[in-house]
Amino acid sequence: MYRCGNCGYLYNPDRGDSSQSIVPDTSFQSLPKSWTCPRCGAPKEKFKKI
């Protein structure tokens, strides 16, 4: 799981991100560079592995 450093949103690869058409079982590393936090819009670089 990865946590957004701005808002605390947790990216769970098992769930993906339906708001941006990311299917379940998509690893964080496989997310497109353009992917942003669905809650606050922060870029991938703001996320930390937990």
PDB file of N, CA and C in Angstrom:
ATOM      1  N   MET A   1       0.844  -1.176   0.000  1.00  0.00           N
ATOM      2  CA  MET A   1       0.000   0.000   0.000  1.00  0.00           C
ATOM      3  C   MET A   1       0.889   1.239   0.000  1.00  0.00           C
ATOM      4  N   TYR A   2       0.375   2.277  -0.584  1.00  0.00           N
ATOM      5  CA  TYR A   2       1.088   3.551  -0.682  1.00  0.00           C
ATOM      6  C   TYR A   2       0.188   4.659  -0.147  1.00  0.00           C
ATOM      7  N   ARG A   3       0.786   5.577   0.636  1.00  0.00           N
ATOM      8  CA  ARG A   3       0.031   6.665   1.254  1.00  0.00           C
ATOM      9  C   ARG A   3       0.423   8.001   0.624  1.00  0.00           C
ATOM     10  N   CYS A   4      -0.589   8.805   0.328  1.00  0.00           N
ATOM     11  CA  CYS A   4      -0.356  10.144  -0.200  1.00  0.00           C
ATOM     12  C   CYS A   4       0.181  11.039   0.910  1.00  0.00           C
ATOM     13  N   GLY A   5       1.301  11.698   0.653  1.00  0.00           N
ATOM     14  CA  GLY A   5       1.905  12.591   1.631  1.00  0.00           C
ATOM     15  C   GLY A   5       1.126  13.874   1.835  1.00  0.00           C
ATOM     16  N   ASN A   6       0.212  14.194   0.931  1.00  0.00           N
ATOM     17  CA  ASN A   6      -0.592  15.412   1.071  1.00  0.00           C
ATOM     18  C   ASN A   6      -1.846  15.186   1.907  1.00  0.00           C
ATOM     19  N   CYS A   7      -2.619  14.137   1.559  1.00  0.00           N
ATOM     20  CA  CYS A   7      -3.934  13.978   2.195  1.00  0.00           C
ATOM     21  C   CYS A   7      -4.118  12.669   2.954  1.00  0.00           C
ATOM     22  N   GLY A   8      -3.172  11.726   2.818  1.00  0.00           N
ATOM     23  CA  GLY A   8      -3.280  10.462   3.540  1.00  0.00           C
ATOM     24  C   GLY A   8      -4.037   9.368   2.801  1.00  0.00           C
ATOM     25  N   TYR A   9      -4.502   9.631   1.583  1.00  0.00           N
ATOM     26  CA  TYR A   9      -5.195   8.611   0.793  1.00  0.00           C
ATOM     27  C   TYR A   9      -4.301   7.384   0.649  1.00  0.00           C
ATOM     28  N   LEU A  10      -4.893   6.193   0.775  1.00  0.00           N
ATOM     29  CA  LEU A  10      -4.150   4.949   0.613  1.00  0.00           C
ATOM     30  C   LEU A  10      -4.473   4.321  -0.736  1.00  0.00           C
ATOM     31  N   TYR A  11      -3.428   4.087  -1.541  1.00  0.00           N
ATOM     32  CA  TYR A  11      -3.615   3.335  -2.780  1.00  0.00           C
ATOM     33  C   TYR A  11      -3.434   1.863  -2.459  1.00  0.00           C
ATOM     34  N   ASN A  12      -4.489   1.087  -2.688  1.00  0.00           N
ATOM     35  CA  ASN A  12      -4.469  -0.351  -2.454  1.00  0.00           C
ATOM     36  C   ASN A  12      -4.463  -1.041  -3.814  1.00  0.00           C
ATOM     37  N   PRO A  13      -3.353  -1.692  -4.183  1.00  0.00           N
ATOM     38  CA  PRO A  13      -3.285  -2.341  -5.496  1.00  0.00           C
ATOM     39  C   PRO A  13      -4.367  -3.396  -5.703  1.00  0.00           C
ATOM     40  N   ASP A  14      -4.837  -4.023  -4.628  1.00  0.00           N
ATOM     41  CA  ASP A  14      -5.890  -5.033  -4.758  1.00  0.00           C
ATOM     42  C   ASP A  14      -7.194  -4.428  -5.277  1.00  0.00           C
ATOM     43  N   ARG A  15      -7.393  -3.142  -5.014  1.00  0.00           N
ATOM     44  CA  ARG A  15      -8.628  -2.461  -5.419  1.00  0.00           C
ATOM     45  C   ARG A  15      -8.473  -1.624  -6.680  1.00  0.00           C
ATOM     46  N   GLY A  16      -7.257  -1.174  -6.960  1.00  0.00           N
ATOM     47  CA  GLY A  16      -7.056  -0.286  -8.104  1.00  0.00           C
ATOM     48  C   GLY A  16      -7.652   1.085  -7.817  1.00  0.00           C
ATOM     49  N   ASP A  17      -8.062   1.780  -8.849  1.00  0.00           N
ATOM     50  CA  ASP A  17      -8.655   3.116  -8.709  1.00  0.00           C
ATOM     51  C   ASP A  17      -9.685   3.299  -9.814  1.00  0.00           C
ATOM     52  N   SER A  18     -10.925   2.957  -9.501  1.00  0.00           N
ATOM     53  CA  SER A  18     -11.978   3.019 -10.519  1.00  0.00           C
ATOM     54  C   SER A  18     -12.219   4.439 -11.023  1.00  0.00           C
ATOM     55  N   SER A  19     -11.888   5.453 -10.221  1.00  0.00           N
ATOM     56  CA  SER A  19     -12.114   6.836 -10.653  1.00  0.00           C
ATOM     57  C   SER A  19     -11.214   7.224 -11.826  1.00  0.00           C
ATOM     58  N   GLN A  20     -10.120   6.458 -12.020  1.00  0.00           N
ATOM     59  CA  GLN A  20      -9.197   6.749 -13.122  1.00  0.00           C
ATOM     60  C   GLN A  20      -8.986   5.524 -14.017  1.00  0.00           C
ATOM     61  N   SER A  21      -9.963   4.608 -13.971  1.00  0.00           N
ATOM     62  CA  SER A  21      -9.961   3.397 -14.810  1.00  0.00           C
ATOM     63  C   SER A  21      -8.750   2.503 -14.571  1.00  0.00           C
ATOM     64  N   ILE A  22      -8.277   2.455 -13.319  1.00  0.00           N
ATOM     65  CA  ILE A  22      -7.182   1.554 -12.940  1.00  0.00           C
ATOM     66  C   ILE A  22      -7.821   0.284 -12.378  1.00  0.00           C
ATOM     67  N   VAL A  23      -7.592  -0.829 -13.054  1.00  0.00           N
ATOM     68  CA  VAL A  23      -8.228  -2.084 -12.667  1.00  0.00           C
ATOM     69  C   VAL A  23      -7.590  -2.659 -11.402  1.00  0.00           C
ATOM     70  N   PRO A  24      -8.356  -3.477 -10.645  1.00  0.00           N
ATOM     71  CA  PRO A  24      -7.781  -4.154  -9.479  1.00  0.00           C
ATOM     72  C   PRO A  24      -6.538  -4.957  -9.863  1.00  0.00           C
ATOM     73  N   ASP A  25      -5.663  -5.135  -8.893  1.00  0.00           N
ATOM     74  CA  ASP A  25      -4.399  -5.864  -9.048  1.00  0.00           C
ATOM     75  C   ASP A  25      -3.383  -5.112  -9.908  1.00  0.00           C
ATOM     76  N   THR A  26      -3.492  -3.783  -9.970  1.00  0.00           N
ATOM     77  CA  THR A  26      -2.498  -2.956 -10.652  1.00  0.00           C
ATOM     78  C   THR A  26      -1.501  -2.456  -9.617  1.00  0.00           C
ATOM     79  N   SER A  27      -0.243  -2.852  -9.758  1.00  0.00           N
ATOM     80  CA  SER A  27       0.777  -2.424  -8.797  1.00  0.00           C
ATOM     81  C   SER A  27       0.991  -0.919  -8.895  1.00  0.00           C
ATOM     82  N   PHE A  28       1.475  -0.326  -7.816  1.00  0.00           N
ATOM     83  CA  PHE A  28       1.745   1.113  -7.809  1.00  0.00           C
ATOM     84  C   PHE A  28       2.753   1.468  -8.896  1.00  0.00           C
ATOM     85  N   GLN A  29       3.757   0.625  -9.074  1.00  0.00           N
ATOM     86  CA  GLN A  29       4.786   0.872 -10.078  1.00  0.00           C
ATOM     87  C   GLN A  29       4.221   0.849 -11.499  1.00  0.00           C
ATOM     88  N   SER A  30       3.123   0.130 -11.695  1.00  0.00           N
ATOM     89  CA  SER A  30       2.510   0.023 -13.022  1.00  0.00           C
ATOM     90  C   SER A  30       1.529   1.153 -13.335  1.00  0.00           C
ATOM     91  N   LEU A  31       1.239   1.996 -12.358  1.00  0.00           N
ATOM     92  CA  LEU A  31       0.346   3.125 -12.619  1.00  0.00           C
ATOM     93  C   LEU A  31       1.005   4.063 -13.623  1.00  0.00           C
ATOM     94  N   PRO A  32       0.229   4.658 -14.517  1.00  0.00           N
ATOM     95  CA  PRO A  32       0.834   5.594 -15.476  1.00  0.00           C
ATOM     96  C   PRO A  32       1.424   6.809 -14.768  1.00  0.00           C
ATOM     97  N   LYS A  33       2.430   7.406 -15.361  1.00  0.00           N
ATOM     98  CA  LYS A  33       3.075   8.584 -14.770  1.00  0.00           C
ATOM     99  C   LYS A  33       2.073   9.710 -14.551  1.00  0.00           C
ATOM    100  N   SER A  34       1.048   9.747 -15.374  1.00  0.00           N
ATOM    101  CA  SER A  34       0.034  10.800 -15.281  1.00  0.00           C
ATOM    102  C   SER A  34      -0.968  10.575 -14.145  1.00  0.00           C
ATOM    103  N   TRP A  35      -0.924   9.397 -13.493  1.00  0.00           N
ATOM    104  CA  TRP A  35      -1.867   9.106 -12.414  1.00  0.00           C
ATOM    105  C   TRP A  35      -1.648  10.075 -11.258  1.00  0.00           C
ATOM    106  N   THR A  36      -2.741  10.524 -10.667  1.00  0.00           N
ATOM    107  CA  THR A  36      -2.671  11.418  -9.511  1.00  0.00           C
ATOM    108  C   THR A  36      -3.585  10.906  -8.413  1.00  0.00           C
ATOM    109  N   CYS A  37      -3.370  11.384  -7.215  1.00  0.00           N
ATOM    110  CA  CYS A  37      -4.208  11.012  -6.080  1.00  0.00           C
ATOM    111  C   CYS A  37      -5.663  11.364  -6.396  1.00  0.00           C
ATOM    112  N   PRO A  38      -6.577  10.396  -6.265  1.00  0.00           N
ATOM    113  CA  PRO A  38      -7.974  10.686  -6.584  1.00  0.00           C
ATOM    114  C   PRO A  38      -8.634  11.629  -5.578  1.00  0.00           C
ATOM    115  N   ARG A  39      -8.038  11.787  -4.418  1.00  0.00           N
ATOM    116  CA  ARG A  39      -8.624  12.659  -3.399  1.00  0.00           C
ATOM    117  C   ARG A  39      -8.145  14.106  -3.528  1.00  0.00           C
ATOM    118  N   CYS A  40      -6.825  14.306  -3.723  1.00  0.00           N
ATOM    119  CA  CYS A  40      -6.303  15.682  -3.701  1.00  0.00           C
ATOM    120  C   CYS A  40      -5.557  16.086  -4.971  1.00  0.00           C
ATOM    121  N   GLY A  41      -5.329  15.127  -5.884  1.00  0.00           N
ATOM    122  CA  GLY A  41      -4.663  15.456  -7.141  1.00  0.00           C
ATOM    123  C   GLY A  41      -3.142  15.459  -7.086  1.00  0.00           C
ATOM    124  N   ALA A  42      -2.560  15.008  -5.974  1.00  0.00           N
ATOM    125  CA  ALA A  42      -1.100  14.981  -5.842  1.00  0.00           C
ATOM    126  C   ALA A  42      -0.492  13.980  -6.832  1.00  0.00           C
ATOM    127  N   PRO A  43       0.702  14.269  -7.346  1.00  0.00           N
ATOM    128  CA  PRO A  43       1.362  13.341  -8.277  1.00  0.00           C
ATOM    129  C   PRO A  43       1.884  12.097  -7.546  1.00  0.00           C
ATOM    130  N   LYS A  44       2.215  11.072  -8.319  1.00  0.00           N
ATOM    131  CA  LYS A  44       2.731   9.812  -7.754  1.00  0.00           C
ATOM    132  C   LYS A  44       3.926  10.033  -6.838  1.00  0.00           C
ATOM    133  N   GLU A  45       4.746  11.029  -7.142  1.00  0.00           N
ATOM    134  CA  GLU A  45       5.968  11.282  -6.373  1.00  0.00           C
ATOM    135  C   GLU A  45       5.683  11.630  -4.913  1.00  0.00           C
ATOM    136  N   LYS A  46       4.459  12.020  -4.605  1.00  0.00           N
ATOM    137  CA  LYS A  46       4.087  12.383  -3.229  1.00  0.00           C
ATOM    138  C   LYS A  46       3.708  11.163  -2.391  1.00  0.00           C
ATOM    139  N   PHE A  47       3.668   9.982  -3.011  1.00  0.00           N
ATOM    140  CA  PHE A  47       3.265   8.770  -2.298  1.00  0.00           C
ATOM    141  C   PHE A  47       4.475   8.049  -1.718  1.00  0.00           C
ATOM    142  N   LYS A  48       4.284   7.460  -0.547  1.00  0.00           N
ATOM    143  CA  LYS A  48       5.317   6.668   0.122  1.00  0.00           C
ATOM    144  C   LYS A  48       4.772   5.277   0.400  1.00  0.00           C
ATOM    145  N   LYS A  49       5.616   4.274   0.231  1.00  0.00           N
ATOM    146  CA  LYS A  49       5.227   2.896   0.533  1.00  0.00           C
ATOM    147  C   LYS A  49       5.078   2.735   2.039  1.00  0.00           C
ATOM    148  N   ILE A  50       4.006   2.053   2.445  1.00  0.00           N
ATOM    149  CA  ILE A  50       3.812   1.784   3.880  1.00  0.00           C
ATOM    150  C   ILE A  50       3.656   0.297   4.121  1.00  0.00           C
TER     151      ILE A  50
END
